[in-house]
PDB file of N, CA and C in Angstrom:
ATOM      1  N   MET A   1      -5.304 -27.341  -6.418  1.00  0.00           N
ATOM      2  CA  MET A   1      -6.075 -27.853  -7.526  1.00  0.00           C
ATOM      3  C   MET A   1      -5.949 -26.870  -8.694  1.00  0.00           C
ATOM      4  N   THR A   2      -5.670 -27.381  -9.845  1.00  0.00           N
ATOM      5  CA  THR A   2      -5.491 -26.555 -11.028  1.00  0.00           C
ATOM      6  C   THR A   2      -6.703 -26.689 -11.938  1.00  0.00           C
ATOM      7  N   SER A   3      -7.236 -25.558 -12.348  1.00  0.00           N
ATOM      8  CA  SER A   3      -8.371 -25.601 -13.259  1.00  0.00           C
ATOM      9  C   SER A   3      -7.854 -25.754 -14.688  1.00  0.00           C
ATOM     10  N   PRO A   4      -8.684 -26.240 -15.585  1.00  0.00           N
ATOM     11  CA  PRO A   4      -8.234 -26.419 -16.967  1.00  0.00           C
ATOM     12  C   PRO A   4      -7.997 -25.079 -17.668  1.00  0.00           C
ATOM     13  N   PHE A   5      -8.529 -23.997 -17.132  1.00  0.00           N
ATOM     14  CA  PHE A   5      -8.367 -22.690 -17.758  1.00  0.00           C
ATOM     15  C   PHE A   5      -7.096 -21.983 -17.319  1.00  0.00           C
ATOM     16  N   CYS A   6      -6.451 -22.469 -16.294  1.00  0.00           N
ATOM     17  CA  CYS A   6      -5.229 -21.848 -15.787  1.00  0.00           C
ATOM     18  C   CYS A   6      -4.173 -22.923 -15.576  1.00  0.00           C
ATOM     19  N   PRO A   7      -3.488 -23.290 -16.641  1.00  0.00           N
ATOM     20  CA  PRO A   7      -2.463 -24.314 -16.478  1.00  0.00           C
ATOM     21  C   PRO A   7      -1.369 -23.837 -15.530  1.00  0.00           C
ATOM     22  N   GLU A   8      -0.731 -24.779 -14.870  1.00  0.00           N
ATOM     23  CA  GLU A   8       0.285 -24.460 -13.873  1.00  0.00           C
ATOM     24  C   GLU A   8       1.425 -23.629 -14.452  1.00  0.00           C
ATOM     25  N   GLY A   9       1.778 -23.839 -15.684  1.00  0.00           N
ATOM     26  CA  GLY A   9       2.857 -23.091 -16.304  1.00  0.00           C
ATOM     27  C   GLY A   9       2.551 -21.614 -16.487  1.00  0.00           C
ATOM     28  N   ASP A  10       1.280 -21.249 -16.576  1.00  0.00           N
ATOM     29  CA  ASP A  10       0.898 -19.858 -16.773  1.00  0.00           C
ATOM     30  C   ASP A  10       0.856 -19.057 -15.482  1.00  0.00           C
ATOM     31  N   ARG A  11       0.904 -19.696 -14.354  1.00  0.00           N
ATOM     32  CA  ARG A  11       0.807 -18.972 -13.087  1.00  0.00           C
ATOM     33  C   ARG A  11       1.993 -18.063 -12.857  1.00  0.00           C
ATOM     34  N   GLY A  12       3.153 -18.428 -13.320  1.00  0.00           N
ATOM     35  CA  GLY A  12       4.327 -17.572 -13.147  1.00  0.00           C
ATOM     36  C   GLY A  12       4.167 -16.260 -13.891  1.00  0.00           C
ATOM     37  N   CYS A  13       3.704 -16.308 -15.112  1.00  0.00           N
ATOM     38  CA  CYS A  13       3.480 -15.088 -15.893  1.00  0.00           C
ATOM     39  C   CYS A  13       2.341 -14.267 -15.315  1.00  0.00           C
ATOM     40  N   LEU A  14       1.278 -14.930 -14.908  1.00  0.00           N
ATOM     41  CA  LEU A  14       0.144 -14.220 -14.327  1.00  0.00           C
ATOM     42  C   LEU A  14       0.547 -13.551 -13.022  1.00  0.00           C
ATOM     43  N   ARG A  15       1.342 -14.226 -12.221  1.00  0.00           N
ATOM     44  CA  ARG A  15       1.817 -13.642 -10.967  1.00  0.00           C
ATOM     45  C   ARG A  15       2.664 -12.414 -11.251  1.00  0.00           C
ATOM     46  N   LEU A  16       3.493 -12.474 -12.262  1.00  0.00           N
ATOM     47  CA  LEU A  16       4.333 -11.326 -12.616  1.00  0.00           C
ATOM     48  C   LEU A  16       3.486 -10.157 -13.105  1.00  0.00           C
ATOM     49  N   VAL A  17       2.500 -10.442 -13.936  1.00  0.00           N
ATOM     50  CA  VAL A  17       1.640  -9.381 -14.469  1.00  0.00           C
ATOM     51  C   VAL A  17       0.844  -8.723 -13.347  1.00  0.00           C
ATOM     52  N   LEU A  18       0.318  -9.509 -12.419  1.00  0.00           N
ATOM     53  CA  LEU A  18      -0.467  -8.959 -11.321  1.00  0.00           C
ATOM     54  C   LEU A  18       0.408  -8.314 -10.265  1.00  0.00           C
ATOM     55  N   ALA A  19       1.656  -8.728 -10.178  1.00  0.00           N
ATOM     56  CA  ALA A  19       2.555  -8.163  -9.178  1.00  0.00           C
ATOM     57  C   ALA A  19       2.985  -6.743  -9.529  1.00  0.00           C
ATOM     58  N   VAL A  20       2.988  -6.396 -10.791  1.00  0.00           N
ATOM     59  CA  VAL A  20       3.444  -5.056 -11.194  1.00  0.00           C
ATOM     60  C   VAL A  20       2.564  -3.951 -10.606  1.00  0.00           C
ATOM     61  N   PRO A  21       1.247  -3.938 -10.820  1.00  0.00           N
ATOM     62  CA  PRO A  21       0.458  -2.862 -10.213  1.00  0.00           C
ATOM     63  C   PRO A  21       0.450  -2.933  -8.691  1.00  0.00           C
ATOM     64  N   PHE A  22       0.478  -4.146  -8.144  1.00  0.00           N
ATOM     65  CA  PHE A  22       0.504  -4.294  -6.696  1.00  0.00           C
ATOM     66  C   PHE A  22       1.793  -3.717  -6.122  1.00  0.00           C
ATOM     67  N   ALA A  23       2.916  -4.015  -6.770  1.00  0.00           N
ATOM     68  CA  ALA A  23       4.203  -3.488  -6.305  1.00  0.00           C
ATOM     69  C   ALA A  23       4.278  -1.976  -6.479  1.00  0.00           C
ATOM     70  N   LEU A  24       3.747  -1.442  -7.567  1.00  0.00           N
ATOM     71  CA  LEU A  24       3.741   0.004  -7.760  1.00  0.00           C
ATOM     72  C   LEU A  24       2.913   0.710  -6.686  1.00  0.00           C
ATOM     73  N   LEU A  25       1.759   0.160  -6.370  1.00  0.00           N
ATOM     74  CA  LEU A  25       0.940   0.744  -5.312  1.00  0.00           C
ATOM     75  C   LEU A  25       1.637   0.652  -3.956  1.00  0.00           C
ATOM     76  N   THR A  26       2.357  -0.423  -3.725  1.00  0.00           N
ATOM     77  CA  THR A  26       3.110  -0.566  -2.474  1.00  0.00           C
ATOM     78  C   THR A  26       4.226   0.462  -2.391  1.00  0.00           C
ATOM     79  N   VAL A  27       4.938   0.672  -3.482  1.00  0.00           N
ATOM     80  CA  VAL A  27       6.022   1.667  -3.503  1.00  0.00           C
ATOM     81  C   VAL A  27       5.461   3.076  -3.306  1.00  0.00           C
ATOM     82  N   ILE A  28       4.344   3.376  -3.939  1.00  0.00           N
ATOM     83  CA  ILE A  28       3.717   4.696  -3.775  1.00  0.00           C
ATOM     84  C   ILE A  28       3.290   4.895  -2.323  1.00  0.00           C
ATOM     85  N   ALA A  29       2.672   3.879  -1.734  1.00  0.00           N
ATOM     86  CA  ALA A  29       2.256   3.979  -0.330  1.00  0.00           C
ATOM     87  C   ALA A  29       3.460   4.152   0.580  1.00  0.00           C
ATOM     88  N   ALA A  30       4.539   3.427   0.315  1.00  0.00           N
ATOM     89  CA  ALA A  30       5.747   3.551   1.133  1.00  0.00           C
ATOM     90  C   ALA A  30       6.375   4.933   0.996  1.00  0.00           C
ATOM     91  N   PHE A  31       6.365   5.489  -0.202  1.00  0.00           N
ATOM     92  CA  PHE A  31       6.922   6.820  -0.420  1.00  0.00           C
ATOM     93  C   PHE A  31       6.184   7.864   0.409  1.00  0.00           C
ATOM     94  N   PHE A  32       4.856   7.845   0.334  1.00  0.00           N
ATOM     95  CA  PHE A  32       4.082   8.833   1.078  1.00  0.00           C
ATOM     96  C   PHE A  32       4.134   8.582   2.583  1.00  0.00           C
ATOM     97  N   CYS A  33       4.230   7.337   2.996  1.00  0.00           N
ATOM     98  CA  CYS A  33       4.370   7.035   4.416  1.00  0.00           C
ATOM     99  C   CYS A  33       5.707   7.554   4.939  1.00  0.00           C
ATOM    100  N   ARG A  34       6.756   7.376   4.162  1.00  0.00           N
ATOM    101  CA  ARG A  34       8.070   7.895   4.554  1.00  0.00           C
ATOM    102  C   ARG A  34       8.043   9.415   4.631  1.00  0.00           C
ATOM    103  N   ALA A  35       7.376  10.049   3.677  1.00  0.00           N
ATOM    104  CA  ALA A  35       7.259  11.508   3.705  1.00  0.00           C
ATOM    105  C   ALA A  35       6.518  11.962   4.956  1.00  0.00           C
ATOM    106  N   ALA A  36       5.483  11.238   5.348  1.00  0.00           N
ATOM    107  CA  ALA A  36       4.718  11.607   6.540  1.00  0.00           C
ATOM    108  C   ALA A  36       5.548  11.418   7.809  1.00  0.00           C
ATOM    109  N   VAL A  37       6.323  10.351   7.853  1.00  0.00           N
ATOM    110  CA  VAL A  37       7.102  10.059   9.061  1.00  0.00           C
ATOM    111  C   VAL A  37       8.304  10.992   9.199  1.00  0.00           C
ATOM    112  N   THR A  38       8.919  11.369   8.096  1.00  0.00           N
ATOM    113  CA  THR A  38      10.126  12.193   8.181  1.00  0.00           C
ATOM    114  C   THR A  38       9.847  13.693   8.222  1.00  0.00           C
ATOM    115  N   THR A  39       8.616  14.111   8.011  1.00  0.00           N
ATOM    116  CA  THR A  39       8.278  15.531   8.082  1.00  0.00           C
ATOM    117  C   THR A  39       8.032  15.913   9.537  1.00  0.00           C
ATOM    118  N   HIS A  40       8.744  16.937   9.986  1.00  0.00           N
ATOM    119  CA  HIS A  40       8.601  17.405  11.359  1.00  0.00           C
ATOM    120  C   HIS A  40       8.287  18.888  11.347  1.00  0.00           C
ATOM    121  N   PRO A  41       7.195  19.283  11.999  1.00  0.00           N
ATOM    122  CA  PRO A  41       6.856  20.702  12.064  1.00  0.00           C
ATOM    123  C   PRO A  41       7.870  21.463  12.922  1.00  0.00           C
ATOM    124  N   SER A  42       8.055  22.723  12.605  1.00  0.00           N
ATOM    125  CA  SER A  42       8.980  23.551  13.371  1.00  0.00           C
ATOM    126  C   SER A  42       8.389  23.963  14.720  1.00  0.00           C
ATOM    127  N   GLY A  43       7.091  23.955  14.811  1.00  0.00           N
ATOM    128  CA  GLY A  43       6.409  24.314  16.046  1.00  0.00           C
ATOM    129  C   GLY A  43       4.923  24.121  15.876  1.00  0.00           C
ATOM    130  N   SER A  44       4.188  24.463  16.924  1.00  0.00           N
ATOM    131  CA  SER A  44       2.742  24.287  16.857  1.00  0.00           C
ATOM    132  C   SER A  44       2.098  25.239  15.846  1.00  0.00           C
ATOM    133  N   TRP A  45       2.811  26.278  15.453  1.00  0.00           N
ATOM    134  CA  TRP A  45       2.308  27.264  14.493  1.00  0.00           C
ATOM    135  C   TRP A  45       2.503  26.828  13.044  1.00  0.00           C
ATOM    136  N   ASP A  46       3.276  25.775  12.794  1.00  0.00           N
ATOM    137  CA  ASP A  46       3.637  25.354  11.433  1.00  0.00           C
ATOM    138  C   ASP A  46       2.512  24.526  10.807  1.00  0.00           C
ATOM    139  N   ARG A  47       1.461  25.195  10.384  1.00  0.00           N
ATOM    140  CA  ARG A  47       0.291  24.524   9.821  1.00  0.00           C
ATOM    141  C   ARG A  47       0.605  23.857   8.482  1.00  0.00           C
ATOM    142  N   ASP A  48       1.540  24.417   7.712  1.00  0.00           N
ATOM    143  CA  ASP A  48       1.884  23.812   6.415  1.00  0.00           C
ATOM    144  C   ASP A  48       2.477  22.412   6.595  1.00  0.00           C
ATOM    145  N   ALA A  49       3.322  22.240   7.599  1.00  0.00           N
ATOM    146  CA  ALA A  49       3.914  20.919   7.848  1.00  0.00           C
ATOM    147  C   ALA A  49       2.839  19.932   8.295  1.00  0.00           C
ATOM    148  N   TYR A  50       1.944  20.369   9.168  1.00  0.00           N
ATOM    149  CA  TYR A  50       0.862  19.487   9.602  1.00  0.00           C
ATOM    150  C   TYR A  50      -0.036  19.098   8.432  1.00  0.00           C
ATOM    151  N   THR A  51      -0.310  20.047   7.551  1.00  0.00           N
ATOM    152  CA  THR A  51      -1.115  19.745   6.367  1.00  0.00           C
ATOM    153  C   THR A  51      -0.396  18.755   5.459  1.00  0.00           C
ATOM    154  N   GLY A  52       0.910  18.919   5.288  1.00  0.00           N
ATOM    155  CA  GLY A  52       1.694  17.984   4.479  1.00  0.00           C
ATOM    156  C   GLY A  52       1.713  16.583   5.069  1.00  0.00           C
ATOM    157  N   ILE A  53       1.788  16.500   6.397  1.00  0.00           N
ATOM    158  CA  ILE A  53       1.773  15.197   7.058  1.00  0.00           C
ATOM    159  C   ILE A  53       0.430  14.505   6.829  1.00  0.00           C
ATOM    160  N   VAL A  54      -0.644  15.251   7.027  1.00  0.00           N
ATOM    161  CA  VAL A  54      -1.976  14.665   6.846  1.00  0.00           C
ATOM    162  C   VAL A  54      -2.188  14.240   5.394  1.00  0.00           C
ATOM    163  N   LEU A  55      -1.779  15.079   4.456  1.00  0.00           N
ATOM    164  CA  LEU A  55      -1.928  14.736   3.042  1.00  0.00           C
ATOM    165  C   LEU A  55      -1.112  13.492   2.695  1.00  0.00           C
ATOM    166  N   SER A  56       0.107  13.407   3.185  1.00  0.00           N
ATOM    167  CA  SER A  56       0.937  12.230   2.926  1.00  0.00           C
ATOM    168  C   SER A  56       0.311  10.978   3.529  1.00  0.00           C
ATOM    169  N   CYS A  57      -0.251  11.101   4.717  1.00  0.00           N
ATOM    170  CA  CYS A  57      -0.907   9.954   5.348  1.00  0.00           C
ATOM    171  C   CYS A  57      -2.125   9.508   4.552  1.00  0.00           C
ATOM    172  N   VAL A  58      -2.915  10.459   4.104  1.00  0.00           N
ATOM    173  CA  VAL A  58      -4.107  10.119   3.318  1.00  0.00           C
ATOM    174  C   VAL A  58      -3.711   9.427   2.018  1.00  0.00           C
ATOM    175  N   LEU A  59      -2.695   9.933   1.347  1.00  0.00           N
ATOM    176  CA  LEU A  59      -2.257   9.315   0.092  1.00  0.00           C
ATOM    177  C   LEU A  59      -1.649   7.934   0.327  1.00  0.00           C
ATOM    178  N   ALA A  60      -0.911   7.764   1.427  1.00  0.00           N
ATOM    179  CA  ALA A  60      -0.338   6.453   1.748  1.00  0.00           C
ATOM    180  C   ALA A  60      -1.437   5.445   2.051  1.00  0.00           C
ATOM    181  N   ILE A  61      -2.412   5.851   2.832  1.00  0.00           N
ATOM    182  CA  ILE A  61      -3.513   4.950   3.163  1.00  0.00           C
ATOM    183  C   ILE A  61      -4.351   4.652   1.920  1.00  0.00           C
ATOM    184  N   GLY A  62      -4.535   5.646   1.061  1.00  0.00           N
ATOM    185  CA  GLY A  62      -5.286   5.430  -0.176  1.00  0.00           C
ATOM    186  C   GLY A  62      -4.593   4.444  -1.109  1.00  0.00           C
ATOM    187  N   ALA A  63      -3.278   4.595  -1.276  1.00  0.00           N
ATOM    188  CA  ALA A  63      -2.533   3.664  -2.137  1.00  0.00           C
ATOM    189  C   ALA A  63      -2.512   2.263  -1.529  1.00  0.00           C
ATOM    190  N   ALA A  64      -2.366   2.183  -0.218  1.00  0.00           N
ATOM    191  CA  ALA A  64      -2.383   0.877   0.441  1.00  0.00           C
ATOM    192  C   ALA A  64      -3.764   0.237   0.317  1.00  0.00           C
ATOM    193  N   GLY A  65      -4.805   1.040   0.454  1.00  0.00           N
ATOM    194  CA  GLY A  65      -6.164   0.517   0.293  1.00  0.00           C
ATOM    195  C   GLY A  65      -6.422   0.014  -1.116  1.00  0.00           C
ATOM    196  N   ALA A  66      -5.898   0.735  -2.099  1.00  0.00           N
ATOM    197  CA  ALA A  66      -6.052   0.294  -3.488  1.00  0.00           C
ATOM    198  C   ALA A  66      -5.322  -1.029  -3.720  1.00  0.00           C
ATOM    199  N   ALA A  67      -4.149  -1.180  -3.105  1.00  0.00           N
ATOM    200  CA  ALA A  67      -3.408  -2.435  -3.244  1.00  0.00           C
ATOM    201  C   ALA A  67      -4.162  -3.587  -2.595  1.00  0.00           C
ATOM    202  N   VAL A  68      -4.735  -3.340  -1.429  1.00  0.00           N
ATOM    203  CA  VAL A  68      -5.506  -4.391  -0.754  1.00  0.00           C
ATOM    204  C   VAL A  68      -6.747  -4.738  -1.571  1.00  0.00           C
ATOM    205  N   LEU A  69      -7.418  -3.731  -2.113  1.00  0.00           N
ATOM    206  CA  LEU A  69      -8.590  -4.005  -2.958  1.00  0.00           C
ATOM    207  C   LEU A  69      -8.202  -4.785  -4.201  1.00  0.00           C
ATOM    208  N   LEU A  70      -7.027  -4.513  -4.755  1.00  0.00           N
ATOM    209  CA  LEU A  70      -6.548  -5.291  -5.894  1.00  0.00           C
ATOM    210  C   LEU A  70      -6.322  -6.739  -5.486  1.00  0.00           C
ATOM    211  N   TRP A  71      -5.755  -6.944  -4.303  1.00  0.00           N
ATOM    212  CA  TRP A  71      -5.482  -8.306  -3.845  1.00  0.00           C
ATOM    213  C   TRP A  71      -6.764  -9.060  -3.532  1.00  0.00           C
ATOM    214  N   VAL A  72      -7.813  -8.365  -3.126  1.00  0.00           N
ATOM    215  CA  VAL A  72      -9.066  -9.023  -2.750  1.00  0.00           C
ATOM    216  C   VAL A  72      -9.754  -9.669  -3.948  1.00  0.00           C
ATOM    217  N   LEU A  73      -9.478  -9.194  -5.141  1.00  0.00           N
ATOM    218  CA  LEU A  73     -10.088  -9.801  -6.336  1.00  0.00           C
ATOM    219  C   LEU A  73      -9.733 -11.288  -6.390  1.00  0.00           C
ATOM    220  N   PRO A  74     -10.709 -12.146  -6.667  1.00  0.00           N
ATOM    221  CA  PRO A  74     -10.455 -13.591  -6.642  1.00  0.00           C
ATOM    222  C   PRO A  74      -9.353 -14.039  -7.601  1.00  0.00           C
ATOM    223  N   SER A  75      -9.269 -13.437  -8.765  1.00  0.00           N
ATOM    224  CA  SER A  75      -8.239 -13.862  -9.716  1.00  0.00           C
ATOM    225  C   SER A  75      -6.845 -13.514  -9.214  1.00  0.00           C
ATOM    226  N   VAL A  76      -6.729 -12.440  -8.472  1.00  0.00           N
ATOM    227  CA  VAL A  76      -5.431 -12.049  -7.922  1.00  0.00           C
ATOM    228  C   VAL A  76      -5.093 -12.920  -6.714  1.00  0.00           C
ATOM    229  N   ARG A  77      -6.078 -13.158  -5.852  1.00  0.00           N
ATOM    230  CA  ARG A  77      -5.848 -13.959  -4.655  1.00  0.00           C
ATOM    231  C   ARG A  77      -5.403 -15.374  -4.976  1.00  0.00           C
ATOM    232  N   ARG A  78      -5.856 -15.899  -6.111  1.00  0.00           N
ATOM    233  CA  ARG A  78      -5.485 -17.260  -6.489  1.00  0.00           C
ATOM    234  C   ARG A  78      -3.997 -17.395  -6.767  1.00  0.00           C
ATOM    235  N   VAL A  79      -3.374 -16.373  -7.297  1.00  0.00           N
ATOM    236  CA  VAL A  79      -1.969 -16.499  -7.694  1.00  0.00           C
ATOM    237  C   VAL A  79      -1.011 -15.760  -6.769  1.00  0.00           C
ATOM    238  N   MET A  80      -1.518 -14.880  -5.910  1.00  0.00           N
ATOM    239  CA  MET A  80      -0.645 -14.137  -4.998  1.00  0.00           C
ATOM    240  C   MET A  80      -0.965 -14.537  -3.563  1.00  0.00           C
ATOM    241  N   PRO A  81      -0.001 -15.089  -2.838  1.00  0.00           N
ATOM    242  CA  PRO A  81      -0.278 -15.527  -1.469  1.00  0.00           C
ATOM    243  C   PRO A  81      -0.585 -14.349  -0.538  1.00  0.00           C
ATOM    244  N   VAL A  82      -1.085 -14.679   0.625  1.00  0.00           N
ATOM    245  CA  VAL A  82      -1.547 -13.667   1.567  1.00  0.00           C
ATOM    246  C   VAL A  82      -0.398 -12.805   2.097  1.00  0.00           C
ATOM    247  N   TRP A  83       0.819 -13.306   2.119  1.00  0.00           N
ATOM    248  CA  TRP A  83       1.925 -12.522   2.670  1.00  0.00           C
ATOM    249  C   TRP A  83       2.243 -11.296   1.825  1.00  0.00           C
ATOM    250  N   TRP A  84       1.742 -11.207   0.612  1.00  0.00           N
ATOM    251  CA  TRP A  84       1.946 -10.014  -0.210  1.00  0.00           C
ATOM    252  C   TRP A  84       1.256  -8.806   0.407  1.00  0.00           C
ATOM    253  N   VAL A  85       0.204  -9.034   1.159  1.00  0.00           N
ATOM    254  CA  VAL A  85      -0.583  -7.942   1.721  1.00  0.00           C
ATOM    255  C   VAL A  85       0.048  -7.412   3.006  1.00  0.00           C
ATOM    256  N   GLY A  86       0.887  -8.184   3.652  1.00  0.00           N
ATOM    257  CA  GLY A  86       1.483  -7.793   4.930  1.00  0.00           C
ATOM    258  C   GLY A  86       2.194  -6.448   4.916  1.00  0.00           C
ATOM    259  N   PRO A  87       3.145  -6.224   4.005  1.00  0.00           N
ATOM    260  CA  PRO A  87       3.832  -4.929   3.993  1.00  0.00           C
ATOM    261  C   PRO A  87       2.903  -3.749   3.727  1.00  0.00           C
ATOM    262  N   VAL A  88       1.915  -3.957   2.878  1.00  0.00           N
ATOM    263  CA  VAL A  88       0.985  -2.863   2.568  1.00  0.00           C
ATOM    264  C   VAL A  88       0.146  -2.518   3.791  1.00  0.00           C
ATOM    265  N   LEU A  89      -0.306  -3.523   4.507  1.00  0.00           N
ATOM    266  CA  LEU A  89      -1.080  -3.271   5.719  1.00  0.00           C
ATOM    267  C   LEU A  89      -0.227  -2.593   6.788  1.00  0.00           C
ATOM    268  N   LEU A  90       1.028  -2.991   6.896  1.00  0.00           N
ATOM    269  CA  LEU A  90       1.938  -2.351   7.843  1.00  0.00           C
ATOM    270  C   LEU A  90       2.146  -0.875   7.501  1.00  0.00           C
ATOM    271  N   ILE A  91       2.298  -0.581   6.226  1.00  0.00           N
ATOM    272  CA  ILE A  91       2.438   0.814   5.786  1.00  0.00           C
ATOM    273  C   ILE A  91       1.184   1.605   6.139  1.00  0.00           C
ATOM    274  N   ALA A  92       0.019   1.023   5.914  1.00  0.00           N
ATOM    275  CA  ALA A  92      -1.237   1.715   6.238  1.00  0.00           C
ATOM    276  C   ALA A  92      -1.365   1.954   7.740  1.00  0.00           C
ATOM    277  N   ILE A  93      -0.946   1.002   8.548  1.00  0.00           N
ATOM    278  CA  ILE A  93      -1.006   1.164  10.002  1.00  0.00           C
ATOM    279  C   ILE A  93      -0.055   2.266  10.461  1.00  0.00           C
ATOM    280  N   ILE A  94       1.150   2.290   9.906  1.00  0.00           N
ATOM    281  CA  ILE A  94       2.119   3.330  10.264  1.00  0.00           C
ATOM    282  C   ILE A  94       1.599   4.703   9.853  1.00  0.00           C
ATOM    283  N   ALA A  95       1.061   4.811   8.650  1.00  0.00           N
ATOM    284  CA  ALA A  95       0.518   6.093   8.185  1.00  0.00           C
ATOM    285  C   ALA A  95      -0.663   6.523   9.041  1.00  0.00           C
ATOM    286  N   GLY A  96      -1.511   5.587   9.407  1.00  0.00           N
ATOM    287  CA  GLY A  96      -2.645   5.922  10.275  1.00  0.00           C
ATOM    288  C   GLY A  96      -2.199   6.391  11.650  1.00  0.00           C
ATOM    289  N   ALA A  97      -1.186   5.729  12.185  1.00  0.00           N
ATOM    290  CA  ALA A  97      -0.657   6.139  13.493  1.00  0.00           C
ATOM    291  C   ALA A  97      -0.026   7.525  13.421  1.00  0.00           C
ATOM    292  N   ARG A  98       0.679   7.797  12.344  1.00  0.00           N
ATOM    293  CA  ARG A  98       1.287   9.129  12.176  1.00  0.00           C
ATOM    294  C   ARG A  98       0.214  10.194  12.029  1.00  0.00           C
ATOM    295  N   TRP A  99      -0.840   9.874  11.321  1.00  0.00           N
ATOM    296  CA  TRP A  99      -1.935  10.815  11.147  1.00  0.00           C
ATOM    297  C   TRP A  99      -2.568  11.164  12.502  1.00  0.00           C
ATOM    298  N   VAL A 100      -2.792  10.118  13.308  1.00  0.00           N
ATOM    299  CA  VAL A 100      -3.409  10.342  14.620  1.00  0.00           C
ATOM    300  C   VAL A 100      -2.494  11.150  15.533  1.00  0.00           C
ATOM    301  N   THR A 101      -1.192  10.867  15.502  1.00  0.00           N
ATOM    302  CA  THR A 101      -0.279  11.562  16.409  1.00  0.00           C
ATOM    303  C   THR A 101       0.091  12.956  15.921  1.00  0.00           C
ATOM    304  N   SER A 102      -0.196  13.277  14.671  1.00  0.00           N
ATOM    305  CA  SER A 102       0.182  14.595  14.166  1.00  0.00           C
ATOM    306  C   SER A 102      -0.853  15.670  14.505  1.00  0.00           C
ATOM    307  N   THR A 103      -2.045  15.263  14.894  1.00  0.00           N
ATOM    308  CA  THR A 103      -3.079  16.273  15.166  1.00  0.00           C
ATOM    309  C   THR A 103      -3.144  16.645  16.623  1.00  0.00           C
TER     310      THR A 103
END
């Protein structure tokens, strides 16, 4: 159903405008998740590597959470289907799992 305030022709532009911050947050989350997954401590004494892993996980989960919060807004949900959230949630799950296994 199309409301009179959002003609069907405008949805393409609105989707593009809303996709930019969502995609940027997804890329940021993926970057930090990759950093967390590819960082390997040299031993149990390597506290700097463990700190870097935890920091990368926190930043990945934070960026993914911001993307999900952006998608939860009703105006965004109307033009962006639910599958947009899938990759971000997967990144957050991977970062959370890495965080748990790194300690």
